[in-house]
Protein backbone atom coordinates (compact mmCIF):
# COMPACT_ATOMS: atom_id res chain seq x y z
CA MET A 1 -4.77 -80.59 27.28
CA LEU A 2 -0.99 -80.72 27.01
CA LYS A 3 -1.06 -82.96 30.05
CA ASP A 4 -3.29 -85.42 28.20
CA LEU A 5 -0.86 -85.56 25.29
CA PHE A 6 1.93 -86.78 27.51
CA THR A 7 -0.22 -89.18 29.55
CA LYS A 8 0.87 -92.77 29.14
CA LYS A 9 -1.49 -94.79 27.03
CA LYS A 10 -3.30 -97.67 28.65
CA LYS A 11 -2.00 -101.10 27.81
CA TYR A 12 -4.49 -103.37 26.14
CA ALA A 13 -4.28 -107.13 25.80
CA GLN A 14 -2.42 -108.12 22.65
CA VAL A 15 -3.40 -110.89 20.27
CA PRO A 16 -0.62 -113.50 20.21
CA SER A 17 1.52 -113.48 17.10
CA GLU A 18 1.12 -116.29 14.55
CA HIS A 19 4.60 -117.34 15.55
CA VAL A 20 3.42 -117.98 19.09
CA LYS A 21 1.63 -121.30 18.88
CA ARG A 22 0.79 -123.87 21.44
CA ASP A 23 2.98 -126.94 21.04
CA VAL A 24 1.14 -130.15 20.08
CA PRO A 25 3.01 -133.36 20.97
CA ASP A 26 4.02 -135.56 18.05
CA GLY A 27 1.60 -138.36 17.30
CA VAL A 28 -1.50 -136.72 18.74
CA MET A 29 -2.89 -135.75 15.33
CA THR A 30 -2.80 -137.60 12.00
CA LYS A 31 -3.26 -136.11 8.54
CA CYS A 32 -4.92 -138.18 5.81
CA SER A 33 -2.50 -138.51 2.90
CA ASN A 34 -5.45 -138.51 0.48
CA CYS A 35 -7.82 -135.71 1.56
CA LYS A 36 -5.43 -133.96 4.01
CA LYS A 37 -8.05 -134.01 6.77
CA ILE A 38 -6.50 -133.89 10.25
CA THR A 39 -7.97 -136.13 12.96
CA LEU A 40 -7.02 -137.31 16.41
CA THR A 41 -4.66 -140.27 16.12
CA LYS A 42 -6.64 -142.29 18.67
CA GLU A 43 -9.77 -141.92 16.49
CA PHE A 44 -7.74 -142.78 13.40
CA VAL A 45 -6.49 -145.98 15.05
CA LYS A 46 -9.98 -146.77 16.38
CA HIS A 47 -11.23 -146.80 12.78
CA LEU A 48 -8.44 -149.19 11.72
CA ARG A 49 -6.42 -146.44 10.02
CA VAL A 50 -9.23 -145.63 7.59
CA CYS A 51 -10.00 -141.93 7.03
CA THR A 52 -13.52 -141.18 8.27
CA THR A 53 -13.79 -138.29 5.80
CA CYS A 54 -12.78 -139.82 2.45
CA GLY A 55 -12.59 -143.54 3.30
CA TYR A 56 -8.95 -143.87 2.24
CA HIS A 57 -7.34 -147.05 3.60
CA HIS A 58 -3.89 -146.17 4.97
CA PRO A 59 -1.17 -148.82 5.32
CA MET A 60 -1.51 -151.07 8.34
CA SER A 61 1.32 -152.79 10.19
CA ALA A 62 1.38 -156.57 10.39
CA PRO A 63 0.85 -156.65 14.20
CA ASP A 64 -2.12 -154.26 13.94
CA ARG A 65 -3.59 -156.29 11.09
CA ILE A 66 -3.33 -159.53 13.03
CA GLN A 67 -4.92 -157.87 16.05
CA SER A 68 -7.86 -156.74 13.88
CA ILE A 69 -8.47 -160.25 12.49
CA ILE A 70 -7.39 -162.86 15.03
CA ASP A 71 -9.30 -163.43 18.28
CA GLU A 72 -7.58 -161.75 21.20
CA GLY A 73 -4.89 -163.79 22.93
CA THR A 74 -4.93 -166.69 20.44
CA PHE A 75 -2.12 -165.78 18.03
CA VAL A 76 1.05 -167.91 18.04
CA GLU A 77 3.84 -166.67 15.79
CA TYR A 78 6.01 -168.87 13.54
CA ASP A 79 9.68 -168.37 12.57
CA LYS A 80 9.95 -165.09 14.47
CA ASP A 81 13.74 -165.09 14.62
CA MET A 82 14.39 -165.91 10.96
CA ILE A 83 16.59 -163.15 9.46
CA SER A 84 17.88 -162.56 5.92
CA THR A 85 21.56 -162.87 5.03
CA ASN A 86 23.32 -161.07 2.19
CA PRO A 87 23.95 -163.84 -0.38
CA LEU A 88 25.08 -161.45 -3.14
CA SER A 89 27.14 -159.19 -0.86
CA PHE A 90 24.96 -156.28 -1.95
CA PRO A 91 26.37 -152.98 -0.62
CA GLN A 92 24.71 -151.71 2.59
CA TYR A 93 21.92 -154.32 2.41
CA GLU A 94 22.57 -155.63 5.91
CA GLU A 95 22.73 -152.11 7.35
CA LYS A 96 19.41 -151.13 5.74
CA ALA A 97 17.73 -154.34 6.91
CA GLU A 98 18.97 -153.73 10.44
CA LYS A 99 17.61 -150.17 10.33
CA ASP A 100 14.19 -151.52 9.34
CA ARG A 101 14.34 -154.08 12.14
CA LEU A 102 14.91 -151.32 14.67
CA GLN A 103 12.19 -149.06 13.27
CA THR A 104 9.49 -151.73 12.83
CA GLU A 105 10.44 -154.11 15.66
CA LEU A 106 10.08 -156.90 13.09
CA ASN A 107 12.80 -159.21 11.80
CA GLU A 108 11.39 -159.39 8.29
CA ALA A 109 8.68 -158.06 5.96
CA ILE A 110 6.14 -160.71 6.95
CA VAL A 111 4.65 -162.15 10.13
CA THR A 112 3.25 -165.69 10.08
CA GLY A 113 1.48 -167.79 12.67
CA GLU A 114 -1.74 -169.45 13.75
CA GLY A 115 -4.73 -168.26 15.70
CA LEU A 116 -8.49 -168.32 15.98
CA LEU A 117 -10.87 -166.41 13.72
CA HIS A 118 -14.13 -166.32 15.65
CA GLY A 119 -13.22 -169.67 17.19
CA ASN A 120 -12.01 -171.32 13.98
CA LYS A 121 -8.28 -172.07 13.79
CA ILE A 122 -6.45 -170.67 10.76
CA VAL A 123 -2.87 -170.07 9.69
CA ILE A 124 -2.25 -166.44 8.77
CA ALA A 125 0.56 -164.57 6.99
CA VAL A 126 0.68 -160.76 6.91
CA MET A 127 3.15 -158.68 4.92
CA ASP A 128 4.35 -155.34 6.29
CA SER A 129 5.27 -152.60 3.80
CA ARG A 130 7.32 -150.73 6.43
CA PHE A 131 10.12 -153.33 6.10
CA ARG A 132 11.98 -152.89 2.80
CA MET A 133 8.61 -151.91 1.23
CA GLY A 134 7.34 -155.43 1.90
CA SER A 135 9.74 -156.79 -0.70
CA MET A 136 9.92 -160.55 -1.17
CA GLY A 137 13.29 -162.00 -0.23
CA SER A 138 14.43 -165.49 0.73
CA VAL A 139 13.10 -165.26 4.28
CA VAL A 140 9.69 -163.97 3.18
CA GLY A 141 9.34 -166.90 0.78
CA GLU A 142 10.57 -169.41 3.36
CA LYS A 143 8.18 -168.14 6.04
CA ILE A 144 5.23 -168.28 3.64
CA ALA A 145 6.11 -171.81 2.48
CA ASN A 146 6.50 -172.97 6.11
CA ALA A 147 3.15 -171.43 7.06
CA ILE A 148 1.40 -173.14 4.15
CA GLU A 149 2.95 -176.47 5.14
CA LYS A 150 1.81 -175.93 8.73
CA ALA A 151 -1.74 -175.19 7.54
CA GLY A 152 -1.68 -178.52 5.73
CA GLN A 153 -0.52 -180.35 8.84
CA LEU A 154 -3.20 -178.71 10.98
CA GLN A 155 -5.82 -179.10 8.23
CA VAL A 156 -6.94 -175.49 8.56
CA PRO A 157 -7.44 -172.61 6.08
CA PHE A 158 -4.50 -170.45 5.00
CA LEU A 159 -5.06 -166.67 4.97
CA ILE A 160 -2.55 -164.18 3.59
CA PHE A 161 -2.56 -160.37 3.46
CA THR A 162 -0.16 -159.01 0.85
CA ALA A 163 1.49 -155.57 0.75
CA SER A 164 4.64 -155.45 -1.35
CA GLY A 165 6.64 -153.62 -3.95
CA GLY A 166 7.68 -156.98 -5.44
CA ALA A 167 10.86 -159.05 -5.46
CA ARG A 168 13.77 -157.83 -3.31
CA MET A 169 16.43 -156.57 -5.71
CA GLN A 170 19.27 -157.02 -3.19
CA GLU A 171 18.79 -160.79 -3.35
CA GLY A 172 18.51 -161.09 -7.12
CA MET A 173 17.65 -164.58 -8.36
CA PHE A 174 17.26 -165.86 -4.79
CA SER A 175 14.31 -163.52 -4.49
CA LEU A 176 12.73 -164.54 -7.80
CA MET A 177 12.99 -168.20 -6.78
CA GLN A 178 10.45 -167.49 -4.02
CA MET A 179 7.73 -167.02 -6.65
CA ALA A 180 8.05 -170.67 -7.69
CA LYS A 181 8.60 -171.89 -4.13
CA THR A 182 5.47 -170.29 -2.69
CA SER A 183 3.36 -171.17 -5.73
CA ALA A 184 4.39 -174.83 -5.50
CA ALA A 185 3.56 -174.89 -1.79
CA LEU A 186 0.10 -173.45 -2.47
CA LYS A 187 -0.51 -175.98 -5.26
CA LYS A 188 0.35 -178.87 -2.95
CA PHE A 189 -1.88 -177.43 -0.23
CA SER A 190 -4.73 -176.91 -2.70
CA ASP A 191 -4.43 -180.49 -4.04
CA GLN A 192 -4.94 -181.66 -0.45
CA GLY A 193 -8.20 -179.73 -0.33
CA GLY A 194 -6.87 -176.75 1.63
CA LEU A 195 -8.67 -173.40 1.56
CA ILE A 196 -6.57 -170.42 0.42
CA ILE A 197 -7.75 -166.85 1.02
CA SER A 198 -5.68 -164.00 -0.37
CA VAL A 199 -6.34 -160.37 0.57
CA MET A 200 -4.42 -157.83 -1.50
CA THR A 201 -3.77 -154.47 0.16
CA HIS A 202 -2.07 -151.32 -1.09
CA PRO A 203 0.26 -151.92 -2.82
CA THR A 204 0.55 -155.48 -4.14
CA THR A 205 2.85 -155.38 -7.13
CA GLY A 206 5.67 -157.11 -9.01
CA GLY A 207 6.57 -160.72 -8.32
CA VAL A 208 4.23 -160.92 -5.34
CA SER A 209 1.18 -160.08 -7.45
CA ALA A 210 2.39 -162.55 -10.09
CA SER A 211 2.72 -165.44 -7.65
CA PHE A 212 1.15 -166.29 -4.29
CA ALA A 213 -1.00 -163.15 -4.02
CA SER A 214 -3.13 -164.19 -6.99
CA LEU A 215 -3.47 -167.90 -6.22
CA GLY A 216 -6.24 -167.86 -3.64
CA ASP A 217 -9.47 -169.78 -3.85
CA TYR A 218 -10.79 -166.38 -2.85
CA ASN A 219 -8.91 -163.35 -4.15
CA LEU A 220 -10.02 -160.28 -2.22
CA ALA A 221 -8.74 -156.71 -1.90
CA GLU A 222 -9.17 -153.53 0.10
CA PRO A 223 -10.70 -150.44 -1.58
CA GLY A 224 -8.33 -148.43 -3.74
CA ALA A 225 -5.46 -150.91 -3.46
CA LEU A 226 -2.86 -150.72 -6.23
CA ILE A 227 -2.50 -154.20 -7.72
CA GLY A 228 -0.39 -155.08 -10.74
CA PHE A 229 2.87 -156.40 -12.10
CA ALA A 230 4.63 -153.70 -14.13
CA GLY A 231 4.17 -150.01 -13.39
CA ARG A 232 1.62 -147.84 -15.18
CA ARG A 233 4.28 -145.76 -16.96
CA VAL A 234 6.08 -148.85 -18.28
CA ILE A 235 2.84 -150.30 -19.65
CA GLU A 236 1.80 -147.04 -21.33
CA GLN A 237 5.20 -146.72 -22.98
CA THR A 238 5.00 -150.34 -24.15
CA VAL A 239 1.46 -150.33 -25.60
CA ARG A 240 1.70 -146.62 -26.60
CA GLU A 241 -1.77 -145.91 -25.26
CA ASP A 242 -3.21 -143.95 -22.36
CA LEU A 243 -4.61 -146.22 -19.68
CA PRO A 244 -7.86 -145.64 -17.73
CA SER A 245 -7.53 -143.44 -14.63
CA ASP A 246 -8.53 -146.35 -12.38
CA PHE A 247 -6.16 -148.83 -14.05
CA GLN A 248 -4.58 -151.36 -11.63
CA THR A 249 -6.89 -150.42 -8.77
CA ALA A 250 -8.83 -153.05 -6.84
CA GLU A 251 -12.07 -151.73 -8.32
CA PHE A 252 -10.71 -152.02 -11.88
CA LEU A 253 -9.60 -155.60 -11.28
CA LEU A 254 -12.97 -156.51 -9.77
CA LYS A 255 -14.77 -155.09 -12.79
CA HIS A 256 -12.61 -157.21 -15.10
CA GLY A 257 -13.02 -160.46 -13.18
CA GLN A 258 -9.63 -160.67 -11.50
CA LEU A 259 -10.97 -160.33 -7.96
CA ASP A 260 -13.87 -161.94 -6.15
CA ALA A 261 -14.66 -158.94 -3.95
CA VAL A 262 -13.42 -155.58 -2.69
CA ILE A 263 -14.02 -155.39 1.06
CA LYS A 264 -13.78 -152.44 3.42
CA ARG A 265 -11.39 -152.93 6.32
CA SER A 266 -14.20 -152.48 8.84
CA ASP A 267 -16.05 -155.43 7.26
CA MET A 268 -13.02 -157.64 6.67
CA LYS A 269 -13.09 -159.84 9.77
CA GLU A 270 -16.81 -160.56 9.42
CA ARG A 271 -16.49 -161.49 5.74
CA LEU A 272 -13.45 -163.68 6.35
CA GLN A 273 -15.25 -165.34 9.23
CA LEU A 274 -18.17 -166.17 6.92
CA ILE A 275 -15.86 -167.67 4.27
CA VAL A 276 -14.00 -169.79 6.82
CA GLU A 277 -17.20 -171.05 8.43
CA LEU A 278 -18.64 -172.00 5.03
CA HIS A 279 -15.61 -174.18 4.31
CA CYS A 280 -14.34 -175.19 7.71
CA GLY A 281 -16.24 -178.44 7.96
CA GLY A 282 -14.84 -179.73 4.69
CA VAL A 283 -11.24 -178.52 4.78
CA LEU A 284 -8.68 -181.15 3.74
CA GLN A 285 -11.14 -184.02 3.59
């Protein structure tokens, strides 16, 4: 009996500690910022960065957006090498812009060009919120105006996807001037009979929402997109009233007649294709 007391106990398999976890490489999984559901990144990308659980539409880069809309191998980019200067000598502006260029592999907050949408040529402009929050500076306005002019020359529809925090504060009045510049270009294009399609994505705010984003023959938006000029808090403090919970959402604007439709990302190309085909025969005639 005493022998048994001093007998070594058998070793049993131990359950790994919580601190011992298998390493998962970065980028393999993606968490939805709305419902917190975790999914495989490849599935997330396959569904165009839309959560399959709650339907939340996450931000989409300009290259990915163009790939989802334009027929494969047909996109030709405009003004790719156009880069902003620092007209007001704003501190650290150039350094921050260069950092965004390295991180996004874009030279500015918008990509413009031409391509085919189910065989129909269009000119397309896509804003990218990863670059200075998609803010509208001199180059953004210039690239949009050039793209509109090119659409007029080609006699094809002009399609723009907006995603912006508004005017770029580092460029001051030069930024605000782009509201008039782009609006005038769209007016000229419209007077020629050109078709303008604007798709507002999350977020579309400030001077962008108050200018070219709202001047389409068709004003569309993605579900849940924040669209407005001044912020919710500023408006509530000004009118001294509580605003509806869905205020400034795409659905709110649709209900009040400021949008023509709210379209899911998975349906976007098909709906745009239908609009273009309905008008394509009569564009600029």
